[in-house]
Amino acid sequence: MERERVKCLIIGSGPAGYTAAIYAGRANISPVLYEGLQPGGQLTTTTDIENFPGYPSGVSGTGMMEDFREQAVRFGADIRFGVATAADLSASPYRITIDGEKVIEAETVIIATGAEARYLGLPDEEKYAGMGVSACATCDGFFYRKKVVAVVGGGDTACEEAIYLAGLASKVYLIVRKPYLRASRIMQERVAHHENIEILFGHNAVGLFGEPGVSGVHLVKNAGQPDEERYDLPIDGFFLAIGHKPNSDIFKPYLDTDETGYIVTEPGTPRTKAPGVFAAGDVADPDYRQAITAAASGCKAAIEAERYLSECDYNRKAR
């Protein structure tokens, strides 16, 4: 199997990965970045971004990621297409297998592989992606001011999204599969007493309709029961809040993760328990998952990588 040795390997190409590449390139540590299956990350599926500083008129997710990429290349980042398929972080140099056919031996590794929103699996979710379907209320809620939206989920995240949207939309339906909420007591009370939120217990969303974007959801109440009822609910936006899956599987044997799979880092830093290995962006962020926070953590990771390499170089020369 082909092998290559690099100083800094960045895995992932969202805001965290590209920002890390910009800073690492400027620090002259010759970063190599593999973009993964979705160059630009999840933001490339977002139509308009209006909350990232520097774009006062808004920008498409794809456009913004192209800007990030161009800036990284300008400062010397070696950006390649490829997917990390295996990892060995047991000792330095760390070994990352790309596409099952090439091994990169890296002195430092920045993991910026992101997290994927969980979807219901409905074909309509893909059909209406960016046209009424979203997995981020903070990102897209602004576009639904004074409109009617639905949030799917029954946990804390779903309740938080519903409350956030209720401050913008005229009406929020919280679609809950079970006859109860799994959220904490305080979150249950907040949604139950919010005048703009209506909870639909025992409901399943089975499809969406509308042209060209979402104008309603097909619902089943009490599925499989004698009183099963099917009906259509007019809405303008459909928000998924049933969790995220961090793309951390190949790193789990070597790094600490929480119960969901988010990589655990030292508080306030991107440092993992493996010296020289850093985690940035959504793969290590169960709370915010915003482009701006991901970019900031990518900056931190690159600075930490440069400091780590400098310290290693100093120690070698001191021997």
Protein backbone atom coordinates (compact mmCIF):
# COMPACT_ATOMS: atom_id res chain seq x y z
CA MET A 1 0.00 0.00 0.00
CA GLU A 2 1.31 3.44 -0.95
CA ARG A 3 2.55 5.59 1.94
CA GLU A 4 3.16 9.31 2.34
CA ARG A 5 4.51 11.31 5.30
CA VAL A 6 3.07 14.76 6.09
CA LYS A 7 3.36 17.27 8.92
CA CYS A 8 -0.33 18.11 9.21
CA LEU A 9 -3.26 16.09 7.92
CA ILE A 10 -6.75 17.61 7.94
CA ILE A 11 -9.70 15.26 7.49
CA GLY A 12 -12.87 17.02 6.39
CA SER A 13 -13.74 20.08 4.35
CA GLY A 14 -16.50 22.06 6.06
CA PRO A 15 -15.87 25.42 7.76
CA ALA A 16 -13.68 23.74 10.39
CA GLY A 17 -11.50 21.85 7.92
CA TYR A 18 -11.00 24.69 5.47
CA THR A 19 -10.33 27.22 8.25
CA ALA A 20 -7.77 24.86 9.76
CA ALA A 21 -6.16 24.61 6.32
CA ILE A 22 -6.01 28.42 6.00
CA TYR A 23 -4.27 28.82 9.36
CA ALA A 24 -2.01 25.82 8.92
CA GLY A 25 -0.99 27.03 5.48
CA ARG A 26 -0.17 30.49 6.81
CA ALA A 27 1.88 28.83 9.56
CA ASN A 28 3.93 27.10 6.87
CA ILE A 29 3.27 23.55 8.10
CA SER A 30 2.23 22.29 4.65
CA PRO A 31 -1.26 20.97 5.45
CA VAL A 32 -2.78 18.19 3.39
CA LEU A 33 -6.59 18.16 3.46
CA TYR A 34 -8.85 15.34 2.30
CA GLU A 35 -12.33 16.63 1.47
CA GLY A 36 -14.37 13.48 2.06
CA LEU A 37 -17.54 12.42 0.27
CA GLN A 38 -19.09 15.89 0.41
CA PRO A 39 -16.54 18.62 -0.40
CA GLY A 40 -17.58 21.69 1.55
CA GLY A 41 -19.53 19.67 4.11
CA GLN A 42 -23.18 20.00 5.05
CA LEU A 43 -23.29 23.72 4.25
CA THR A 44 -23.29 22.87 0.55
CA THR A 45 -26.86 21.59 1.03
CA THR A 46 -27.99 24.96 2.44
CA THR A 47 -29.41 27.44 -0.05
CA ASP A 48 -28.84 30.77 1.73
CA ILE A 49 -26.64 31.72 4.68
CA GLU A 50 -27.33 35.09 6.26
CA ASN A 51 -25.73 34.76 9.70
CA PHE A 52 -22.04 34.40 8.80
CA PRO A 53 -20.04 37.62 9.27
CA GLY A 54 -18.66 39.16 6.11
CA TYR A 55 -21.62 38.36 3.87
CA PRO A 56 -24.07 41.22 4.56
CA SER A 57 -26.28 40.27 1.61
CA GLY A 58 -26.17 36.57 2.36
CA VAL A 59 -24.43 33.82 0.40
CA SER A 60 -25.18 30.31 -0.75
CA GLY A 61 -23.64 27.49 1.25
CA THR A 62 -21.78 26.27 -1.82
CA GLY A 63 -20.53 29.77 -2.61
CA MET A 64 -19.20 30.33 0.88
CA MET A 65 -17.41 26.99 0.96
CA GLU A 66 -15.83 27.73 -2.43
CA ASP A 67 -14.50 30.98 -0.92
CA PHE A 68 -13.09 29.08 2.06
CA ARG A 69 -11.46 26.52 -0.22
CA GLU A 70 -9.93 29.16 -2.50
CA GLN A 71 -8.43 30.95 0.48
CA ALA A 72 -6.94 27.71 1.83
CA VAL A 73 -5.36 26.94 -1.55
CA ARG A 74 -3.98 30.48 -1.73
CA PHE A 75 -1.99 29.84 1.45
CA GLY A 76 -0.55 26.56 0.25
CA ALA A 77 -2.96 23.91 1.46
CA ASP A 78 -2.82 20.70 -0.59
CA ILE A 79 -6.51 19.86 -1.00
CA ARG A 80 -7.40 16.44 -2.32
CA PHE A 81 -10.52 14.38 -2.89
CA GLY A 82 -10.61 11.23 -0.79
CA VAL A 83 -12.24 9.58 2.19
CA ALA A 84 -10.57 8.45 5.40
CA THR A 85 -11.55 4.79 5.70
CA ALA A 86 -9.37 3.66 8.62
CA ALA A 87 -7.23 5.16 11.36
CA ASP A 88 -4.41 4.10 13.66
CA LEU A 89 -3.85 6.72 16.35
CA SER A 90 -1.99 4.40 18.71
CA ALA A 91 1.37 6.11 18.20
CA SER A 92 2.98 8.94 16.26
CA PRO A 93 3.29 9.22 13.32
CA TYR A 94 -0.44 8.62 13.11
CA ARG A 95 -1.66 6.55 10.19
CA ILE A 96 -4.81 7.37 8.26
CA THR A 97 -5.90 5.18 5.36
CA ILE A 98 -7.47 6.99 2.41
CA ASP A 99 -9.99 5.15 0.23
CA GLY A 100 -8.59 1.85 1.48
CA GLU A 101 -5.54 2.17 -0.74
CA LYS A 102 -3.15 4.81 0.59
CA VAL A 103 -1.73 5.44 4.06
CA ILE A 104 -0.92 8.95 5.20
CA GLU A 105 1.57 9.09 8.07
CA ALA A 106 0.99 12.36 9.87
CA GLU A 107 2.78 14.11 12.71
CA THR A 108 -0.43 15.98 13.52
CA VAL A 109 -4.03 15.22 12.62
CA ILE A 110 -7.01 17.58 12.63
CA ILE A 111 -10.31 15.70 12.58
CA ALA A 112 -13.04 17.84 11.04
CA THR A 113 -15.37 15.14 9.73
CA GLY A 114 -18.58 16.77 10.97
CA ALA A 115 -21.86 15.24 12.08
CA GLU A 116 -24.81 14.15 9.98
CA ALA A 117 -28.35 15.13 10.90
CA ARG A 118 -30.65 12.17 11.34
CA TYR A 119 -33.60 12.10 8.97
CA LEU A 120 -36.81 10.09 8.92
CA GLY A 121 -35.85 8.43 5.67
CA LEU A 122 -38.70 9.86 3.61
CA PRO A 123 -37.99 10.37 -0.11
CA ASP A 124 -39.63 13.79 0.21
CA GLU A 125 -36.93 14.93 2.63
CA GLU A 126 -34.40 14.75 -0.17
CA LYS A 127 -36.83 16.14 -2.74
CA TYR A 128 -37.46 19.28 -0.68
CA ALA A 129 -33.95 19.74 0.74
CA GLY A 130 -33.35 23.49 0.83
CA MET A 131 -36.94 24.09 -0.24
CA GLY A 132 -38.74 23.71 3.06
CA VAL A 133 -36.84 20.88 4.75
CA SER A 134 -34.13 21.74 7.26
CA ALA A 135 -32.25 20.15 10.14
CA CYS A 136 -31.13 23.44 11.68
CA ALA A 137 -33.61 25.95 13.06
CA THR A 138 -30.87 28.41 13.99
CA CYS A 139 -29.55 28.31 10.42
CA ASP A 140 -32.83 28.55 8.53
CA GLY A 141 -35.50 29.77 10.94
CA PHE A 142 -35.14 33.38 9.79
CA PHE A 143 -36.65 32.44 6.42
CA TYR A 144 -39.90 31.37 8.11
CA ARG A 145 -40.81 34.58 9.91
CA LYS A 146 -44.58 34.81 10.39
CA LYS A 147 -45.04 31.46 8.64
CA VAL A 148 -46.23 28.05 9.84
CA VAL A 149 -43.64 25.35 10.52
CA ALA A 150 -43.42 21.86 11.98
CA VAL A 151 -40.65 20.36 14.10
CA VAL A 152 -40.23 16.58 14.31
CA GLY A 153 -38.89 15.13 17.57
CA GLY A 154 -39.62 14.74 21.23
CA GLY A 155 -36.33 15.37 23.01
CA ASP A 156 -34.61 18.46 24.36
CA THR A 157 -33.25 19.41 20.95
CA ALA A 158 -36.71 19.31 19.37
CA CYS A 159 -38.15 21.43 22.16
CA GLU A 160 -35.32 23.94 21.89
CA GLU A 161 -35.81 24.17 18.12
CA ALA A 162 -39.56 24.61 18.55
CA ILE A 163 -39.10 27.41 21.10
CA TYR A 164 -36.55 29.15 18.89
CA LEU A 165 -38.84 28.93 15.87
CA ALA A 166 -41.83 30.09 17.92
CA GLY A 167 -40.08 33.43 18.30
CA LEU A 168 -40.06 33.81 14.52
CA ALA A 169 -42.93 31.82 13.05
CA SER A 170 -46.64 32.48 13.53
CA LYS A 171 -47.27 28.85 14.48
CA VAL A 172 -45.12 25.83 15.35
CA TYR A 173 -46.38 22.26 15.36
CA LEU A 174 -44.25 19.84 17.35
CA ILE A 175 -44.74 16.38 15.81
CA VAL A 176 -44.05 13.69 18.41
CA ARG A 177 -44.19 9.99 17.54
CA LYS A 178 -44.76 8.87 21.12
CA PRO A 179 -47.64 9.91 23.43
CA TYR A 180 -45.16 11.85 25.57
CA LEU A 181 -42.04 14.03 25.35
CA ARG A 182 -38.60 12.64 26.18
CA ALA A 183 -37.31 16.11 26.95
CA SER A 184 -36.33 17.33 30.40
CA ARG A 185 -39.17 18.52 32.61
CA ILE A 186 -38.33 22.19 32.21
CA MET A 187 -38.31 21.92 28.42
CA GLN A 188 -41.62 20.07 28.47
CA GLU A 189 -43.16 22.85 30.49
CA ARG A 190 -41.80 25.55 28.21
CA VAL A 191 -43.24 24.08 25.02
CA ALA A 192 -46.52 23.12 26.69
CA HIS A 193 -47.12 26.68 27.82
CA HIS A 194 -45.92 28.49 24.72
CA GLU A 195 -48.82 30.11 22.93
CA ASN A 196 -47.29 29.61 19.48
CA ILE A 197 -46.53 25.88 19.89
CA GLU A 198 -49.01 23.04 19.46
CA ILE A 199 -47.83 19.52 20.33
CA LEU A 200 -49.16 16.69 18.18
CA PHE A 201 -48.63 13.54 20.24
CA GLY A 202 -48.81 10.10 18.64
CA HIS A 203 -48.20 11.47 15.16
CA ASN A 204 -45.92 10.25 12.37
CA ALA A 205 -44.93 12.32 9.36
CA VAL A 206 -45.16 10.04 6.33
CA GLY A 207 -44.65 12.50 3.48
CA LEU A 208 -44.54 16.09 2.29
CA PHE A 209 -46.25 17.90 -0.54
CA GLY A 210 -46.16 21.20 -2.39
CA GLU A 211 -44.69 22.86 -5.48
CA PRO A 212 -42.02 24.01 -5.82
CA GLY A 213 -41.41 23.92 -2.06
CA VAL A 214 -43.12 22.43 0.96
CA SER A 215 -46.71 23.50 1.54
CA GLY A 216 -47.84 20.66 3.80
CA VAL A 217 -47.10 17.38 5.57
CA HIS A 218 -48.95 14.06 5.40
CA LEU A 219 -49.60 12.85 8.97
CA VAL A 220 -50.77 9.61 10.56
CA LYS A 221 -52.22 9.82 14.05
CA ASN A 222 -52.22 6.69 16.25
CA ALA A 223 -50.72 4.52 13.50
CA GLY A 224 -51.84 0.89 13.63
CA GLN A 225 -54.55 1.59 16.19
CA PRO A 226 -58.32 1.21 15.68
CA ASP A 227 -58.65 5.00 15.74
CA GLU A 228 -55.86 5.59 13.21
CA GLU A 229 -56.38 8.84 11.36
CA ARG A 230 -54.62 10.20 8.28
CA TYR A 231 -54.73 13.86 7.33
CA ASP A 232 -52.75 16.67 5.73
CA LEU A 233 -51.43 19.63 7.69
CA PRO A 234 -50.59 22.87 5.84
CA ILE A 235 -47.10 24.12 6.74
CA ASP A 236 -44.36 26.21 5.13
CA GLY A 237 -41.32 24.57 6.71
CA PHE A 238 -40.41 21.11 8.02
CA PHE A 239 -37.61 20.88 10.61
CA LEU A 240 -35.94 17.63 11.70
CA ALA A 241 -34.76 17.53 15.31
CA ILE A 242 -34.20 13.84 15.94
CA GLY A 243 -30.49 14.02 16.59
CA HIS A 244 -27.14 13.99 14.82
CA LYS A 245 -24.56 11.26 14.21
CA PRO A 246 -20.94 12.44 14.49
CA ASN A 247 -18.63 10.98 11.83
CA SER A 248 -16.20 9.60 14.39
CA ASP A 249 -16.46 5.81 14.06
CA ILE A 250 -12.93 5.11 12.80
CA PHE A 251 -11.42 7.18 15.63
CA LYS A 252 -13.37 5.67 18.54
CA PRO A 253 -10.82 2.96 19.41
CA TYR A 254 -8.24 5.66 20.14
CA LEU A 255 -10.13 8.75 21.33
CA ASP A 256 -12.72 9.39 24.01
CA THR A 257 -16.25 10.03 22.76
CA ASP A 258 -19.52 10.72 24.52
CA GLU A 259 -22.54 8.41 24.40
CA THR A 260 -23.61 9.83 21.03
CA GLY A 261 -20.16 9.64 19.46
CA TYR A 262 -18.95 13.24 19.70
CA ILE A 263 -15.18 13.35 20.21
CA VAL A 264 -14.29 14.58 23.69
CA THR A 265 -11.70 17.36 23.84
CA GLU A 266 -10.03 19.20 26.69
CA PRO A 267 -12.40 21.98 27.79
CA GLY A 268 -11.93 25.12 25.74
CA THR A 269 -9.46 23.47 23.34
CA PRO A 270 -9.50 21.12 20.35
CA ARG A 271 -6.99 18.79 22.01
CA THR A 272 -7.92 15.12 22.25
CA LYS A 273 -6.28 12.55 24.51
CA ALA A 274 -3.85 11.64 21.70
CA PRO A 275 -0.99 14.20 21.60
CA GLY A 276 -0.97 15.96 18.26
CA VAL A 277 -4.51 14.90 17.35
CA PHE A 278 -7.16 17.62 17.39
CA ALA A 279 -10.91 17.62 16.77
CA ALA A 280 -12.70 20.62 15.26
CA GLY A 281 -16.21 21.46 14.15
CA ASP A 282 -19.39 19.46 14.54
CA VAL A 283 -17.63 16.14 15.19
CA ALA A 284 -16.73 17.53 18.63
CA ASP A 285 -19.63 19.95 19.15
CA PRO A 286 -22.94 18.55 20.41
CA ASP A 287 -24.24 21.97 21.43
CA TYR A 288 -23.88 24.65 18.75
CA ARG A 289 -23.20 23.12 15.31
CA GLN A 290 -22.88 26.48 13.54
CA ALA A 291 -20.59 27.44 10.69
CA ILE A 292 -19.04 30.25 12.71
CA THR A 293 -18.26 28.07 15.74
CA ALA A 294 -16.89 25.34 13.47
CA ALA A 295 -14.61 27.81 11.75
CA ALA A 296 -13.38 29.11 15.10
CA SER A 297 -12.54 25.61 16.29
CA GLY A 298 -10.70 24.94 13.03
CA CYS A 299 -8.59 28.01 13.73
CA LYS A 300 -7.82 26.74 17.23
CA ALA A 301 -6.91 23.29 15.94
CA ALA A 302 -4.41 24.66 13.41
CA ILE A 303 -2.78 26.92 15.99
CA GLU A 304 -2.50 23.96 18.38
CA ALA A 305 -1.00 21.80 15.61
CA GLU A 306 1.62 24.44 14.82
CA ARG A 307 2.50 24.78 18.51
CA TYR A 308 2.75 21.01 18.88
CA LEU A 309 5.06 20.69 15.88
CA SER A 310 7.24 23.55 17.12
CA GLU A 311 7.54 21.95 20.54
CA CYS A 312 8.45 18.59 19.02
CA ASP A 313 11.07 20.26 16.81
CA TYR A 314 12.52 22.13 19.79
CA ASN A 315 12.74 18.94 21.86
CA ARG A 316 14.50 17.11 19.02
CA LYS A 317 17.09 19.87 18.69
CA ALA A 318 17.62 20.00 22.46
CA ARG A 319 18.62 16.36 22.67
